């Protein structure tokens, strides 16, 4: 059980680690878009990404802090914080910027240029939520 003192961000990261779409659906706001998609479309695409992790033998994802290195990214807001989620059993990973305002998660989107202060082990095969949006 999760303590009630955790923030929405803490809960989001926890349930993302567990690849728990039901809890992510409950946590995210129906009235917001995520990666410029309605919440349900974003979650459908995320379900496919989670399925790819599971197909490669992963039962959970390990989160590593990261930040956007691109100066022109997301309306000129470089340095946005995020996580690199790496599979617990394979070198598959997914990078996600998590925008938070006033303690509330307001956007989630993939990052094309994530940097890390620490080494991220096993980061070899990238999984995309929406590969149509990626510039490479």
N, C-alpha and C. Protein backbone atom coordinates (compact mmCIF):
# COMPACT_ATOMS: atom_id res chain seq x y z
N UNK A 1 0.84 -1.18 0.00
CA UNK A 1 0.00 0.00 0.00
C UNK A 1 0.88 1.24 0.00
N UNK A 2 0.45 2.28 -0.67
CA UNK A 2 1.23 3.51 -0.77
C UNK A 2 0.79 4.51 0.29
N UNK A 3 1.77 5.09 1.00
CA UNK A 3 1.41 6.09 2.01
C UNK A 3 0.74 7.30 1.40
N UNK A 4 -0.21 7.90 2.12
CA UNK A 4 -0.96 9.03 1.59
C UNK A 4 -0.14 10.32 1.54
N UNK A 5 1.06 10.32 2.12
CA UNK A 5 1.89 11.52 2.10
C UNK A 5 2.66 11.68 0.79
N UNK A 6 2.56 10.72 -0.10
CA UNK A 6 3.27 10.83 -1.36
C UNK A 6 2.58 11.83 -2.28
N UNK A 7 3.40 12.46 -3.12
CA UNK A 7 2.87 13.42 -4.08
C UNK A 7 2.31 12.68 -5.30
N UNK A 8 1.59 13.41 -6.15
CA UNK A 8 1.10 12.81 -7.38
C UNK A 8 2.27 12.33 -8.23
N UNK A 9 3.37 13.08 -8.23
CA UNK A 9 4.55 12.68 -8.99
C UNK A 9 5.11 11.36 -8.46
N UNK A 10 5.23 11.24 -7.14
CA UNK A 10 5.72 9.99 -6.53
C UNK A 10 4.85 8.81 -6.94
N UNK A 11 3.54 9.01 -6.87
CA UNK A 11 2.61 7.94 -7.22
C UNK A 11 2.70 7.59 -8.70
N UNK A 12 2.82 8.61 -9.54
CA UNK A 12 2.94 8.38 -10.98
C UNK A 12 4.18 7.54 -11.28
N UNK A 13 5.31 7.91 -10.70
CA UNK A 13 6.55 7.17 -10.95
C UNK A 13 6.41 5.74 -10.43
N UNK A 14 5.84 5.57 -9.26
CA UNK A 14 5.65 4.23 -8.69
C UNK A 14 4.80 3.35 -9.62
N UNK A 15 3.67 3.87 -10.08
CA UNK A 15 2.78 3.07 -10.92
C UNK A 15 3.32 2.90 -12.34
N UNK A 16 4.12 3.84 -12.79
CA UNK A 16 4.80 3.68 -14.08
C UNK A 16 5.82 2.54 -13.96
N UNK A 17 6.56 2.51 -12.85
CA UNK A 17 7.51 1.42 -12.60
C UNK A 17 6.82 0.07 -12.66
N UNK A 18 5.62 0.00 -12.11
CA UNK A 18 4.87 -1.25 -12.06
C UNK A 18 4.12 -1.53 -13.37
N UNK A 19 4.17 -0.59 -14.31
CA UNK A 19 3.45 -0.68 -15.58
C UNK A 19 1.96 -0.92 -15.32
N UNK A 20 1.43 -0.15 -14.37
CA UNK A 20 0.05 -0.28 -13.92
C UNK A 20 -0.83 0.77 -14.59
N UNK A 21 -1.43 0.40 -15.72
CA UNK A 21 -2.25 1.33 -16.49
C UNK A 21 -3.52 1.75 -15.76
N UNK A 22 -4.08 0.88 -14.96
CA UNK A 22 -5.30 1.23 -14.23
C UNK A 22 -5.02 2.38 -13.27
N UNK A 23 -3.95 2.29 -12.51
CA UNK A 23 -3.62 3.35 -11.56
C UNK A 23 -3.19 4.63 -12.28
N UNK A 24 -2.47 4.50 -13.39
CA UNK A 24 -2.10 5.69 -14.16
C UNK A 24 -3.35 6.38 -14.70
N UNK A 25 -4.32 5.58 -15.14
CA UNK A 25 -5.59 6.16 -15.61
C UNK A 25 -6.27 6.95 -14.49
N UNK A 26 -6.24 6.43 -13.28
CA UNK A 26 -6.86 7.11 -12.15
C UNK A 26 -6.10 8.37 -11.74
N UNK A 27 -4.78 8.35 -11.88
CA UNK A 27 -3.94 9.48 -11.46
C UNK A 27 -3.98 10.65 -12.44
N UNK A 28 -4.06 10.36 -13.72
CA UNK A 28 -3.98 11.42 -14.73
C UNK A 28 -5.32 12.09 -14.92
N UNK A 29 -5.27 13.36 -15.27
CA UNK A 29 -6.46 14.20 -15.42
C UNK A 29 -7.13 13.95 -16.77
N UNK A 30 -8.42 13.67 -16.75
CA UNK A 30 -9.18 13.44 -18.00
C UNK A 30 -9.21 14.67 -18.90
N UNK A 31 -9.04 15.85 -18.34
CA UNK A 31 -9.16 17.09 -19.10
C UNK A 31 -7.84 17.60 -19.67
N UNK A 32 -6.76 16.89 -19.42
CA UNK A 32 -5.45 17.30 -19.95
C UNK A 32 -5.03 16.38 -21.09
N UNK A 33 -4.10 16.88 -21.90
CA UNK A 33 -3.49 16.03 -22.92
C UNK A 33 -2.11 15.63 -22.43
N UNK A 34 -1.64 14.51 -22.91
CA UNK A 34 -0.32 14.01 -22.58
C UNK A 34 0.37 13.69 -23.90
N UNK A 35 1.52 14.31 -24.09
CA UNK A 35 2.24 14.24 -25.37
C UNK A 35 1.30 14.66 -26.50
N UNK A 36 0.54 15.73 -26.26
CA UNK A 36 -0.40 16.30 -27.22
C UNK A 36 -1.48 15.32 -27.68
N UNK A 37 -1.80 14.35 -26.83
CA UNK A 37 -2.86 13.38 -27.13
C UNK A 37 -3.87 13.39 -25.99
N UNK A 38 -5.13 13.09 -26.28
CA UNK A 38 -6.07 12.90 -25.19
C UNK A 38 -5.57 11.78 -24.27
N UNK A 39 -5.93 11.85 -23.02
CA UNK A 39 -5.44 10.89 -22.02
C UNK A 39 -5.63 9.43 -22.47
N UNK A 40 -6.82 9.09 -22.97
CA UNK A 40 -7.08 7.69 -23.33
C UNK A 40 -6.21 7.22 -24.49
N UNK A 41 -5.97 8.08 -25.46
CA UNK A 41 -5.10 7.72 -26.59
C UNK A 41 -3.67 7.52 -26.08
N UNK A 42 -3.21 8.44 -25.21
CA UNK A 42 -1.87 8.31 -24.63
C UNK A 42 -1.75 6.98 -23.89
N UNK A 43 -2.74 6.64 -23.08
CA UNK A 43 -2.68 5.39 -22.32
C UNK A 43 -2.74 4.16 -23.22
N UNK A 44 -3.47 4.23 -24.33
CA UNK A 44 -3.50 3.11 -25.27
C UNK A 44 -2.11 2.88 -25.88
N UNK A 45 -1.45 3.98 -26.24
CA UNK A 45 -0.10 3.86 -26.81
C UNK A 45 0.90 3.40 -25.74
N UNK A 46 0.70 3.89 -24.52
CA UNK A 46 1.56 3.46 -23.42
C UNK A 46 1.39 1.97 -23.14
N UNK A 47 0.17 1.46 -23.29
CA UNK A 47 -0.09 0.03 -23.10
C UNK A 47 0.74 -0.80 -24.07
N UNK A 48 0.88 -0.34 -25.30
CA UNK A 48 1.70 -1.06 -26.29
C UNK A 48 3.18 -1.03 -25.88
N UNK A 49 3.64 0.11 -25.36
CA UNK A 49 5.03 0.20 -24.89
C UNK A 49 5.26 -0.75 -23.72
N UNK A 50 4.32 -0.77 -22.77
CA UNK A 50 4.44 -1.68 -21.62
C UNK A 50 4.42 -3.14 -22.09
N UNK A 51 3.60 -3.45 -23.09
CA UNK A 51 3.55 -4.81 -23.62
C UNK A 51 4.91 -5.21 -24.21
N UNK A 52 5.56 -4.27 -24.88
CA UNK A 52 6.89 -4.55 -25.44
C UNK A 52 7.90 -4.81 -24.32
N UNK A 53 7.82 -4.04 -23.24
CA UNK A 53 8.70 -4.31 -22.10
C UNK A 53 8.45 -5.73 -21.57
N UNK A 54 7.19 -6.08 -21.39
CA UNK A 54 6.85 -7.41 -20.84
C UNK A 54 7.29 -8.53 -21.78
N UNK A 55 7.11 -8.32 -23.10
CA UNK A 55 7.53 -9.33 -24.09
C UNK A 55 9.03 -9.59 -24.01
N UNK A 56 9.77 -8.62 -23.51
CA UNK A 56 11.21 -8.78 -23.38
C UNK A 56 11.61 -9.22 -21.97
N UNK A 57 10.64 -9.74 -21.20
CA UNK A 57 10.92 -10.36 -19.92
C UNK A 57 10.94 -9.43 -18.71
N UNK A 58 10.50 -8.20 -18.88
CA UNK A 58 10.53 -7.24 -17.77
C UNK A 58 9.24 -7.32 -16.95
N UNK A 59 9.39 -7.28 -15.63
CA UNK A 59 8.23 -7.28 -14.74
C UNK A 59 8.03 -5.91 -14.10
N UNK A 60 9.07 -5.08 -14.15
CA UNK A 60 8.96 -3.71 -13.67
C UNK A 60 10.01 -2.86 -14.37
N UNK A 61 9.88 -1.55 -14.19
CA UNK A 61 10.82 -0.60 -14.79
C UNK A 61 11.58 0.11 -13.68
N UNK A 62 12.85 0.34 -13.91
CA UNK A 62 13.70 1.02 -12.94
C UNK A 62 13.86 2.48 -13.37
N UNK A 63 13.47 3.43 -12.50
CA UNK A 63 13.52 4.85 -12.89
C UNK A 63 14.86 5.50 -12.55
N UNK A 64 15.41 6.23 -13.51
CA UNK A 64 16.63 6.99 -13.30
C UNK A 64 16.33 8.45 -13.64
N UNK A 65 16.65 9.38 -12.73
CA UNK A 65 16.38 10.79 -12.99
C UNK A 65 17.08 11.28 -14.25
N UNK A 66 16.42 12.18 -14.97
CA UNK A 66 17.00 12.76 -16.17
C UNK A 66 16.45 14.15 -16.39
N UNK A 67 16.96 14.81 -17.42
CA UNK A 67 16.55 16.17 -17.75
C UNK A 67 16.72 16.39 -19.24
N UNK A 68 15.94 17.30 -19.79
CA UNK A 68 16.02 17.61 -21.21
C UNK A 68 17.26 18.46 -21.47
N UNK A 69 18.09 18.05 -22.44
CA UNK A 69 19.31 18.79 -22.78
C UNK A 69 19.10 19.75 -23.94
N UNK A 70 17.98 19.67 -24.63
CA UNK A 70 17.74 20.46 -25.83
C UNK A 70 17.25 21.86 -25.49
N UNK A 71 18.01 22.91 -25.86
CA UNK A 71 17.60 24.28 -25.52
C UNK A 71 16.27 24.72 -26.14
N UNK A 72 15.92 24.19 -27.29
CA UNK A 72 14.69 24.63 -27.96
C UNK A 72 13.50 23.73 -27.65
N UNK A 73 13.67 22.81 -26.73
CA UNK A 73 12.63 21.82 -26.46
C UNK A 73 11.44 22.40 -25.71
N UNK A 74 10.26 21.94 -26.08
CA UNK A 74 9.00 22.20 -25.39
C UNK A 74 8.84 23.68 -25.02
N UNK A 75 8.80 24.49 -26.04
CA UNK A 75 8.56 25.92 -25.83
C UNK A 75 9.73 26.64 -25.19
N UNK A 76 10.94 26.17 -25.44
CA UNK A 76 12.12 26.84 -24.88
C UNK A 76 12.30 26.62 -23.39
N UNK A 77 11.89 25.46 -22.90
CA UNK A 77 12.05 25.14 -21.47
C UNK A 77 13.08 24.02 -21.29
N UNK A 78 14.36 24.28 -21.57
CA UNK A 78 15.35 23.22 -21.38
C UNK A 78 15.48 22.91 -19.90
N UNK A 79 15.96 21.73 -19.60
CA UNK A 79 16.18 21.36 -18.21
C UNK A 79 14.97 20.76 -17.54
N UNK A 80 13.87 20.55 -18.28
CA UNK A 80 12.70 19.91 -17.68
C UNK A 80 13.10 18.55 -17.12
N UNK A 81 12.55 18.22 -15.98
CA UNK A 81 12.91 16.97 -15.31
C UNK A 81 12.10 15.80 -15.83
N UNK A 82 12.70 14.64 -15.78
CA UNK A 82 12.02 13.43 -16.23
C UNK A 82 12.67 12.20 -15.65
N UNK A 83 12.35 11.08 -16.25
CA UNK A 83 12.90 9.79 -15.85
C UNK A 83 13.21 8.97 -17.08
N UNK A 84 14.26 8.18 -16.96
CA UNK A 84 14.56 7.14 -17.93
C UNK A 84 14.15 5.85 -17.24
N UNK A 85 13.16 5.17 -17.79
CA UNK A 85 12.67 3.92 -17.22
C UNK A 85 13.31 2.76 -17.99
N UNK A 86 14.10 1.96 -17.27
CA UNK A 86 14.83 0.85 -17.86
C UNK A 86 14.23 -0.46 -17.35
N UNK A 87 14.09 -1.42 -18.26
CA UNK A 87 13.55 -2.72 -17.87
C UNK A 87 14.41 -3.40 -16.83
N UNK A 88 13.79 -4.17 -15.94
CA UNK A 88 14.55 -4.85 -14.89
C UNK A 88 15.26 -6.10 -15.40
N UNK A 89 14.91 -6.58 -16.60
CA UNK A 89 15.53 -7.80 -17.12
C UNK A 89 16.12 -7.66 -18.52
N UNK A 90 15.90 -6.53 -19.16
CA UNK A 90 16.42 -6.35 -20.51
C UNK A 90 16.94 -4.91 -20.66
N UNK A 91 17.71 -4.65 -21.71
CA UNK A 91 18.26 -3.30 -21.91
C UNK A 91 17.29 -2.33 -22.58
N UNK A 92 16.00 -2.62 -22.55
CA UNK A 92 15.00 -1.74 -23.14
C UNK A 92 14.71 -0.58 -22.20
N UNK A 93 14.46 0.60 -22.78
CA UNK A 93 14.21 1.79 -21.96
C UNK A 93 13.24 2.73 -22.66
N UNK A 94 12.68 3.62 -21.86
CA UNK A 94 11.75 4.65 -22.33
C UNK A 94 12.08 5.92 -21.56
N UNK A 95 12.16 7.06 -22.25
CA UNK A 95 12.45 8.32 -21.56
C UNK A 95 11.20 9.19 -21.55
N UNK A 96 10.97 9.82 -20.40
CA UNK A 96 9.73 10.55 -20.21
C UNK A 96 10.00 11.82 -19.42
N UNK A 97 9.58 12.95 -19.97
CA UNK A 97 9.61 14.21 -19.24
C UNK A 97 8.29 14.31 -18.49
N UNK A 98 8.36 14.74 -17.24
CA UNK A 98 7.17 14.84 -16.40
C UNK A 98 7.06 16.29 -15.95
N UNK A 99 6.07 16.99 -16.49
CA UNK A 99 5.86 18.39 -16.12
C UNK A 99 4.92 18.45 -14.92
N UNK A 100 5.34 19.19 -13.89
CA UNK A 100 4.55 19.33 -12.67
C UNK A 100 4.37 20.81 -12.38
N UNK A 101 3.14 21.21 -12.09
CA UNK A 101 2.84 22.59 -11.69
C UNK A 101 1.97 22.53 -10.45
N UNK A 102 2.39 23.26 -9.43
CA UNK A 102 1.65 23.32 -8.16
C UNK A 102 1.36 21.92 -7.61
N UNK A 103 2.34 21.03 -7.73
CA UNK A 103 2.20 19.68 -7.18
C UNK A 103 1.39 18.72 -8.02
N UNK A 104 0.91 19.18 -9.19
CA UNK A 104 0.08 18.35 -10.05
C UNK A 104 0.81 18.04 -11.36
N UNK A 105 0.76 16.78 -11.78
CA UNK A 105 1.34 16.38 -13.06
C UNK A 105 0.46 16.96 -14.17
N UNK A 106 1.05 17.84 -15.00
CA UNK A 106 0.27 18.52 -16.03
C UNK A 106 0.59 18.04 -17.45
N UNK A 107 1.71 17.33 -17.62
CA UNK A 107 2.03 16.80 -18.94
C UNK A 107 3.07 15.70 -18.80
N UNK A 108 3.02 14.77 -19.73
CA UNK A 108 4.01 13.70 -19.86
C UNK A 108 4.34 13.64 -21.34
N UNK A 109 5.62 13.54 -21.66
CA UNK A 109 6.00 13.40 -23.07
C UNK A 109 7.40 12.84 -23.19
N UNK A 110 7.63 12.17 -24.31
CA UNK A 110 8.94 11.59 -24.57
C UNK A 110 9.95 12.68 -24.87
N UNK A 111 11.20 12.38 -24.59
CA UNK A 111 12.27 13.34 -24.80
C UNK A 111 13.28 12.76 -25.80
N UNK A 112 13.62 13.55 -26.79
CA UNK A 112 14.59 13.10 -27.80
C UNK A 112 16.03 13.32 -27.35
N UNK A 113 16.22 14.10 -26.28
CA UNK A 113 17.58 14.45 -25.87
C UNK A 113 17.70 14.50 -24.35
N UNK A 114 17.49 13.36 -23.71
CA UNK A 114 17.56 13.31 -22.25
C UNK A 114 18.99 13.11 -21.77
N UNK A 115 19.36 13.91 -20.79
CA UNK A 115 20.66 13.78 -20.15
C UNK A 115 20.49 13.23 -18.74
N UNK A 116 21.58 12.72 -18.20
CA UNK A 116 21.56 12.13 -16.86
C UNK A 116 22.81 12.57 -16.10
N UNK A 117 22.65 12.77 -14.80
CA UNK A 117 23.82 13.07 -13.97
C UNK A 117 24.56 11.80 -13.58
N UNK A 118 23.87 10.68 -13.57
CA UNK A 118 24.47 9.39 -13.21
C UNK A 118 24.42 8.46 -14.42
N UNK A 119 25.21 7.41 -14.35
CA UNK A 119 25.20 6.40 -15.41
C UNK A 119 23.90 5.60 -15.32
N UNK A 120 23.30 5.37 -16.47
CA UNK A 120 22.08 4.56 -16.53
C UNK A 120 22.48 3.21 -17.12
N UNK A 121 22.47 2.16 -16.30
CA UNK A 121 22.88 0.84 -16.79
C UNK A 121 21.86 0.24 -17.73
N UNK A 122 22.33 -0.62 -18.64
CA UNK A 122 21.48 -1.40 -19.54
C UNK A 122 20.66 -0.58 -20.51
N UNK A 123 20.98 0.66 -20.76
CA UNK A 123 20.17 1.52 -21.64
C UNK A 123 20.64 1.31 -23.09
N UNK A 124 19.97 0.38 -23.82
CA UNK A 124 20.41 0.07 -25.18
C UNK A 124 19.31 0.13 -26.23
N UNK A 125 18.12 -0.36 -25.94
CA UNK A 125 17.06 -0.46 -26.95
C UNK A 125 15.87 0.39 -26.52
N UNK A 126 15.67 1.49 -27.23
CA UNK A 126 14.62 2.43 -26.84
C UNK A 126 13.24 1.95 -27.29
N UNK A 127 12.29 2.11 -26.40
CA UNK A 127 10.89 1.85 -26.69
C UNK A 127 10.19 3.21 -26.71
N UNK A 128 9.33 3.41 -27.70
CA UNK A 128 8.63 4.68 -27.85
C UNK A 128 7.15 4.52 -27.50
N UNK A 129 6.59 5.56 -26.91
CA UNK A 129 5.15 5.61 -26.70
C UNK A 129 4.48 5.93 -28.02
N UNK A 130 5.03 6.91 -28.73
CA UNK A 130 4.46 7.32 -30.01
C UNK A 130 5.60 7.62 -30.96
N UNK A 131 6.02 6.63 -31.73
CA UNK A 131 7.17 6.84 -32.61
C UNK A 131 6.88 7.76 -33.78
N UNK A 132 5.61 8.13 -33.99
CA UNK A 132 5.27 9.09 -35.05
C UNK A 132 5.79 10.49 -34.72
N UNK A 133 5.93 10.82 -33.42
CA UNK A 133 6.32 12.16 -33.00
C UNK A 133 7.82 12.39 -32.91
N UNK A 134 8.61 11.31 -32.92
CA UNK A 134 10.04 11.47 -32.66
C UNK A 134 10.77 11.97 -33.91
N UNK A 135 11.68 12.92 -33.73
CA UNK A 135 12.35 13.56 -34.87
C UNK A 135 13.47 12.74 -35.48
N UNK A 136 13.74 11.56 -34.99
CA UNK A 136 14.84 10.77 -35.52
C UNK A 136 14.39 9.40 -35.94
